[in-house]
Amino acid sequence: MTRRSLGQRLELGAIWAALVAGGAVMVFPIYWMFATAVRPRSEVFGELPRLIPSQFVWHNFVEAWQRLPFLQWTINSLAIAIIAVAITVSINLLCGYAFAKFRFPGRDVLFFAIISALMIPIQVILVPEFLIVSWLGLMNSYWGVILPRAAEAFGIFMVRQFMVAIPDELIEAARIDGAGELGIFIRIVLPLCKPIVAVLVIFTFMWRWNDFVWPLMVLTDQDLYTVQLGLNLLKGQYNTEWTNIMAIALFSLIPMFAIFMVFQRYLVRGIAGTGLK
C-alpha cells in the first residue's frame, strides 16, 4: 500500500464518516417521532428520555386514527395536493416556456417582477389574499386553498432557466414543418422537460401537503380540514396527546415518501438543469 493510496483511503473514510453522520442527523427526528408514537404515555416526559421505548405500544396508532376523522382529512389533503400539482405545474411550465422562448414587449421587466415576488414574505400577502378569496366567494372550499398558490414564482424561474437550454433551432424547425405553438410545446418541448417536471411535482406536492397557515385561514368546516389542521386539534388546552400526534405525523409522511420515490431519479438532473442531451 503506497502513501498516496493510504491518503486516498483516509480521505474516502472521512467522506463516508461525514455522510453517515449527516444521514444520522437527518434521520434521527423521524426515528424520534416513531419512538414517541410507540412508547407508553408515561415515558413521553420521563426524567431520563429513553432512546428505545421500554415497550412498543402499537395500539397508539389505532387509537390515534379512531379519535378524529383522519381518514377523511387525508383524502382532503390528497385531493388538494393532487389538483394543486396538476394546475401549478401546468401554469409554471407554460409561463416558463413563454419567458424562455418568446420575445414580447416588457418580457424582462415582467420576469424581474415575478422574481422579485420571491423576496416578499408570505405573511405580508396573507391578508390581501384572504380578502380576494373572500370577495370571490371561495371561502371554506378546496378552490380557496388551491387557486391563490396556482402559480409559483420559484417554479416559473426554474422552468425558464431549464428551457433556455433547449435549442431554438429545434423549435424553429418544427414551425417550418407547420407545427402549431401548442403542438410544439406538447410534442417537442414537454418530452425534453421530464427532469424539471419531476422537480416541480415533488416541490409543489410537498408545499401543498405540508401547508398549514393558509388552509387554517380559508377552511372553517372541519369536514374539509387537511391532515395538518387535524393534527392541531390533538393539542388540548390542558393536555396534549403526543403519542397520537406523532403516530398521525408518521402516517402523513407516507405520501411524501411515495412521491419522492417515484420522481427522485429526475430530481438531481432537474435541479442541475442538465437533463437535455
Protein backbone atom coordinates (compact mmCIF):
# COMPACT_ATOMS: atom_id res chain seq x y z
CA MET A 1 0.00 0.00 0.00
CA THR A 2 1.60 3.30 -1.08
CA ARG A 3 1.46 6.50 0.96
CA ARG A 4 -0.74 8.10 -1.71
CA SER A 5 -3.26 5.26 -1.70
CA LEU A 6 -3.33 5.40 2.12
CA GLY A 7 -4.13 9.11 1.94
CA GLN A 8 -6.90 8.45 -0.55
CA ARG A 9 -8.34 5.76 1.70
CA LEU A 10 -8.27 8.10 4.67
CA GLU A 11 -9.95 10.81 2.63
CA LEU A 12 -12.61 8.35 1.44
CA GLY A 13 -13.14 7.16 5.00
CA ALA A 14 -13.56 10.75 6.21
CA ILE A 15 -16.12 11.41 3.48
CA TRP A 16 -18.07 8.29 4.40
CA ALA A 17 -17.94 9.21 8.09
CA ALA A 18 -19.26 12.70 7.30
CA LEU A 19 -22.04 11.23 5.13
CA VAL A 20 -23.05 8.73 7.81
CA ALA A 21 -23.04 11.47 10.47
CA GLY A 22 -25.12 13.77 8.25
CA GLY A 23 -27.56 10.95 7.44
CA ALA A 24 -27.93 10.13 11.14
CA VAL A 25 -28.71 13.78 11.93
CA MET A 26 -31.34 13.85 9.16
CA VAL A 27 -32.98 10.55 10.10
CA PHE A 28 -32.95 10.95 13.89
CA PRO A 29 -36.03 13.27 14.08
CA ILE A 30 -38.05 10.67 12.15
CA TYR A 31 -36.82 7.92 14.46
CA TRP A 32 -37.74 10.07 17.48
CA MET A 33 -41.24 10.52 16.05
CA PHE A 34 -41.55 6.74 15.71
CA ALA A 35 -40.14 6.11 19.21
CA THR A 36 -42.57 8.65 20.72
CA ALA A 37 -45.51 7.19 18.79
CA VAL A 38 -44.96 3.65 20.10
CA ARG A 39 -43.76 4.33 23.63
CA PRO A 40 -46.09 4.29 26.68
CA ARG A 41 -47.51 7.70 27.56
CA SER A 42 -45.80 7.65 30.94
CA GLU A 43 -42.40 7.67 29.19
CA VAL A 44 -43.02 10.68 26.95
CA PHE A 45 -41.90 13.14 29.60
CA GLY A 46 -39.83 10.83 31.77
CA GLU A 47 -36.90 12.19 33.75
CA LEU A 48 -34.42 10.38 31.53
CA PRO A 49 -35.53 10.21 27.90
CA ARG A 50 -35.19 6.68 26.58
CA LEU A 51 -33.75 6.29 23.10
CA ILE A 52 -35.52 2.93 22.80
CA PRO A 53 -39.00 2.60 24.39
CA SER A 54 -39.31 0.13 27.27
CA GLN A 55 -42.21 -1.45 25.35
CA PHE A 56 -43.81 -0.93 21.96
CA VAL A 57 -47.46 0.16 22.26
CA TRP A 58 -48.70 -0.37 18.69
CA HIS A 59 -52.25 0.37 19.81
CA ASN A 60 -51.30 4.08 19.87
CA PHE A 61 -51.66 4.11 16.07
CA VAL A 62 -55.16 2.60 16.17
CA GLU A 63 -56.21 4.95 18.96
CA ALA A 64 -54.94 7.99 17.05
CA TRP A 65 -56.95 7.09 13.95
CA GLN A 66 -60.10 6.46 15.96
CA ARG A 67 -60.03 9.71 17.91
CA LEU A 68 -60.69 12.02 14.96
CA PRO A 69 -61.70 11.55 11.27
CA PHE A 70 -58.15 11.47 9.95
CA LEU A 71 -59.10 9.24 7.01
CA GLN A 72 -61.42 11.95 5.66
CA TRP A 73 -58.79 14.62 6.31
CA THR A 74 -56.17 12.52 4.50
CA ILE A 75 -58.48 12.28 1.48
CA ASN A 76 -58.96 16.06 1.63
CA SER A 77 -55.19 16.61 1.73
CA LEU A 78 -54.62 14.26 -1.20
CA ALA A 79 -57.36 15.93 -3.27
CA ILE A 80 -55.96 19.41 -2.62
CA ALA A 81 -52.35 18.36 -3.25
CA ILE A 82 -53.07 16.41 -6.48
CA ILE A 83 -55.30 19.11 -8.02
CA ALA A 84 -52.80 21.81 -7.00
CA VAL A 85 -49.92 19.87 -8.56
CA ALA A 86 -51.78 19.49 -11.88
CA ILE A 87 -52.71 23.19 -12.04
CA THR A 88 -49.48 24.68 -10.68
CA VAL A 89 -47.13 22.53 -12.77
CA SER A 90 -49.11 23.30 -15.96
CA ILE A 91 -49.09 27.06 -15.32
CA ASN A 92 -45.42 27.11 -14.36
CA LEU A 93 -44.43 25.17 -17.49
CA LEU A 94 -46.40 27.44 -19.82
CA CYS A 95 -45.14 30.64 -18.16
CA GLY A 96 -41.55 29.40 -18.12
CA TYR A 97 -41.79 28.42 -21.79
CA ALA A 98 -43.12 31.87 -22.71
CA PHE A 99 -40.31 33.65 -20.85
CA ALA A 100 -37.63 31.35 -22.28
CA LYS A 101 -38.62 31.11 -25.96
CA PHE A 102 -40.80 34.11 -26.86
CA ARG A 103 -39.84 37.76 -27.25
CA PHE A 104 -42.54 40.31 -26.38
CA PRO A 105 -42.53 43.88 -25.05
CA GLY A 106 -41.85 44.08 -21.33
CA ARG A 107 -40.74 40.44 -21.05
CA ASP A 108 -37.65 41.13 -18.97
CA VAL A 109 -39.45 43.64 -16.74
CA LEU A 110 -42.29 41.20 -16.12
CA PHE A 111 -39.88 38.37 -15.37
CA PHE A 112 -37.94 40.61 -12.98
CA ALA A 113 -41.22 41.47 -11.24
CA ILE A 114 -42.03 37.78 -10.82
CA ILE A 115 -38.58 37.03 -9.45
CA SER A 116 -38.93 39.98 -7.07
CA ALA A 117 -42.02 38.30 -5.63
CA LEU A 118 -39.68 35.68 -4.15
CA MET A 119 -38.32 38.36 -1.83
CA ILE A 120 -41.75 39.11 -0.31
CA PRO A 121 -42.50 37.15 2.89
CA ILE A 122 -45.65 35.07 2.58
CA GLN A 123 -47.01 36.64 5.78
CA VAL A 124 -47.17 40.05 4.08
CA ILE A 125 -49.64 38.91 1.41
CA LEU A 126 -51.85 36.71 3.58
CA VAL A 127 -54.38 39.46 4.32
CA PRO A 128 -54.76 40.66 0.67
CA GLU A 129 -55.11 37.03 -0.45
CA PHE A 130 -57.72 36.40 2.19
CA LEU A 131 -59.74 39.44 1.09
CA ILE A 132 -59.58 38.38 -2.58
CA VAL A 133 -60.62 34.81 -1.83
CA SER A 134 -63.47 36.09 0.34
CA TRP A 135 -64.59 38.52 -2.40
CA LEU A 136 -64.62 35.66 -4.94
CA GLY A 137 -66.79 33.55 -2.63
CA LEU A 138 -64.17 30.78 -2.34
CA MET A 139 -64.01 30.67 1.44
CA ASN A 140 -64.34 27.22 3.01
CA SER A 141 -63.68 25.37 -0.27
CA TYR A 142 -60.87 23.42 -1.91
CA TRP A 143 -60.52 26.10 -4.59
CA GLY A 144 -59.94 28.76 -1.97
CA VAL A 145 -56.90 26.77 -0.83
CA ILE A 146 -55.62 25.83 -4.30
CA LEU A 147 -56.05 28.87 -6.56
CA PRO A 148 -54.04 31.51 -4.61
CA ARG A 149 -50.99 29.22 -4.98
CA ALA A 150 -51.72 28.22 -8.59
CA ALA A 151 -48.59 29.96 -9.93
CA GLU A 152 -45.32 29.85 -8.01
CA ALA A 153 -42.62 32.40 -8.83
CA PHE A 154 -39.94 29.89 -7.87
CA GLY A 155 -41.39 27.28 -10.26
CA ILE A 156 -41.61 29.77 -13.15
CA PHE A 157 -37.98 30.77 -12.55
CA MET A 158 -36.78 27.14 -12.54
CA VAL A 159 -38.70 26.25 -15.70
CA ARG A 160 -37.44 29.33 -17.52
CA GLN A 161 -33.83 28.58 -16.59
CA PHE A 162 -34.23 24.95 -17.71
CA MET A 163 -35.92 25.74 -21.02
CA VAL A 164 -33.33 28.34 -22.02
CA ALA A 165 -31.01 25.37 -22.70
CA ILE A 166 -33.41 23.88 -25.29
CA PRO A 167 -32.07 24.82 -28.77
CA ASP A 168 -34.14 27.43 -30.55
CA GLU A 169 -33.32 25.67 -33.83
CA LEU A 170 -35.38 22.67 -32.71
CA ILE A 171 -38.45 24.85 -32.23
CA GLU A 172 -37.85 26.78 -35.47
CA ALA A 173 -37.58 23.50 -37.41
CA ALA A 174 -40.95 22.40 -36.03
CA ARG A 175 -42.51 25.72 -37.04
CA ILE A 176 -41.11 25.37 -40.57
CA ASP A 177 -42.69 21.89 -40.71
CA GLY A 178 -46.05 23.51 -39.95
CA ALA A 179 -46.48 22.58 -36.30
CA GLY A 180 -48.61 24.91 -34.17
CA GLU A 181 -47.29 26.54 -30.99
CA LEU A 182 -49.32 24.31 -28.68
CA GLY A 183 -48.25 21.23 -30.69
CA ILE A 184 -44.58 22.28 -30.42
CA PHE A 185 -44.92 22.68 -26.67
CA ILE A 186 -46.69 19.35 -26.12
CA ARG A 187 -44.87 17.14 -28.64
CA ILE A 188 -41.34 18.61 -28.62
CA VAL A 189 -40.65 20.77 -25.57
CA LEU A 190 -42.56 18.84 -22.92
CA PRO A 191 -40.82 15.46 -23.53
CA LEU A 192 -37.47 17.20 -23.01
CA CYS A 193 -38.62 18.63 -19.68
CA LYS A 194 -39.17 15.43 -17.66
CA PRO A 195 -36.49 16.34 -15.06
CA ILE A 196 -37.89 19.79 -14.33
CA VAL A 197 -41.46 18.42 -14.31
CA ALA A 198 -40.38 15.88 -11.69
CA VAL A 199 -38.81 18.64 -9.58
CA LEU A 200 -41.97 20.75 -9.83
CA VAL A 201 -44.18 17.80 -8.87
CA ILE A 202 -42.07 16.99 -5.80
CA PHE A 203 -41.80 20.57 -4.54
CA THR A 204 -45.43 21.52 -5.30
CA PHE A 205 -46.82 18.39 -3.63
CA MET A 206 -44.59 19.00 -0.62
CA TRP A 207 -45.68 22.66 -0.30
CA ARG A 208 -49.40 21.89 -0.62
CA TRP A 209 -49.29 18.77 1.56
CA ASN A 210 -47.43 20.50 4.41
CA ASP A 211 -49.28 23.83 4.17
CA PHE A 212 -50.90 24.79 7.46
CA VAL A 213 -51.42 28.55 7.75
CA TRP A 214 -53.37 29.19 4.55
CA PRO A 215 -55.81 26.24 4.92
CA LEU A 216 -56.31 27.34 8.54
CA MET A 217 -57.41 30.77 7.31
CA VAL A 218 -59.68 29.52 4.50
CA LEU A 219 -61.25 26.31 5.82
CA THR A 220 -63.76 26.67 8.64
CA ASP A 221 -65.72 23.43 8.22
CA GLN A 222 -63.93 20.54 9.94
CA ASP A 223 -65.19 18.14 7.25
CA LEU A 224 -62.89 19.97 4.80
CA TYR A 225 -59.85 20.01 7.08
CA THR A 226 -56.48 18.66 5.97
CA VAL A 227 -54.30 16.30 7.99
CA GLN A 228 -52.12 19.16 9.21
CA LEU A 229 -55.15 21.06 10.54
CA GLY A 230 -56.43 17.87 12.15
CA LEU A 231 -53.14 17.37 13.97
CA ASN A 232 -53.61 20.74 15.61
CA LEU A 233 -56.89 19.51 17.13
CA LEU A 234 -54.98 16.89 19.12
CA LYS A 235 -53.46 19.71 21.17
CA GLY A 236 -55.74 20.11 24.15
CA GLN A 237 -55.96 23.11 26.44
CA TYR A 238 -54.58 21.21 29.40
CA ASN A 239 -53.21 18.02 27.87
CA THR A 240 -51.55 17.12 24.58
CA GLU A 241 -51.54 13.53 23.31
CA TRP A 242 -48.02 13.44 21.90
CA THR A 243 -48.16 9.72 21.10
CA ASN A 244 -51.24 10.27 18.93
CA ILE A 245 -49.73 13.35 17.26
CA MET A 246 -46.52 11.50 16.38
CA ALA A 247 -48.47 8.49 15.10
CA ILE A 248 -50.55 10.61 12.69
CA ALA A 249 -47.48 12.67 11.74
CA LEU A 250 -45.71 9.45 10.73
CA PHE A 251 -48.67 8.42 8.56
CA SER A 252 -48.64 11.87 6.96
CA LEU A 253 -45.08 11.26 5.74
CA ILE A 254 -46.09 8.27 3.59
CA PRO A 255 -47.47 10.25 0.58
CA MET A 256 -44.37 12.46 0.53
CA PHE A 257 -42.09 9.41 0.51
CA ALA A 258 -44.17 7.83 -2.28
CA ILE A 259 -43.96 10.97 -4.46
CA PHE A 260 -40.23 11.25 -3.84
CA MET A 261 -39.56 7.60 -4.68
CA VAL A 262 -41.48 7.87 -7.95
CA PHE A 263 -39.77 11.05 -9.18
CA GLN A 264 -36.40 11.02 -7.36
CA ARG A 265 -34.42 9.71 -10.34
CA TYR A 266 -35.10 13.01 -12.14
CA LEU A 267 -34.57 15.26 -9.11
CA VAL A 268 -30.84 15.98 -9.41
CA ARG A 269 -30.99 16.27 -13.20
CA GLY A 270 -33.87 18.70 -12.97
CA ILE A 271 -32.26 20.94 -10.39
CA ALA A 272 -28.93 20.92 -12.19
CA GLY A 273 -30.66 21.66 -15.50
CA THR A 274 -28.64 19.01 -17.35
CA GLY A 275 -31.49 16.79 -18.48
CA LEU A 276 -31.19 17.87 -22.11
CA LYS A 277 -28.88 15.64 -24.12
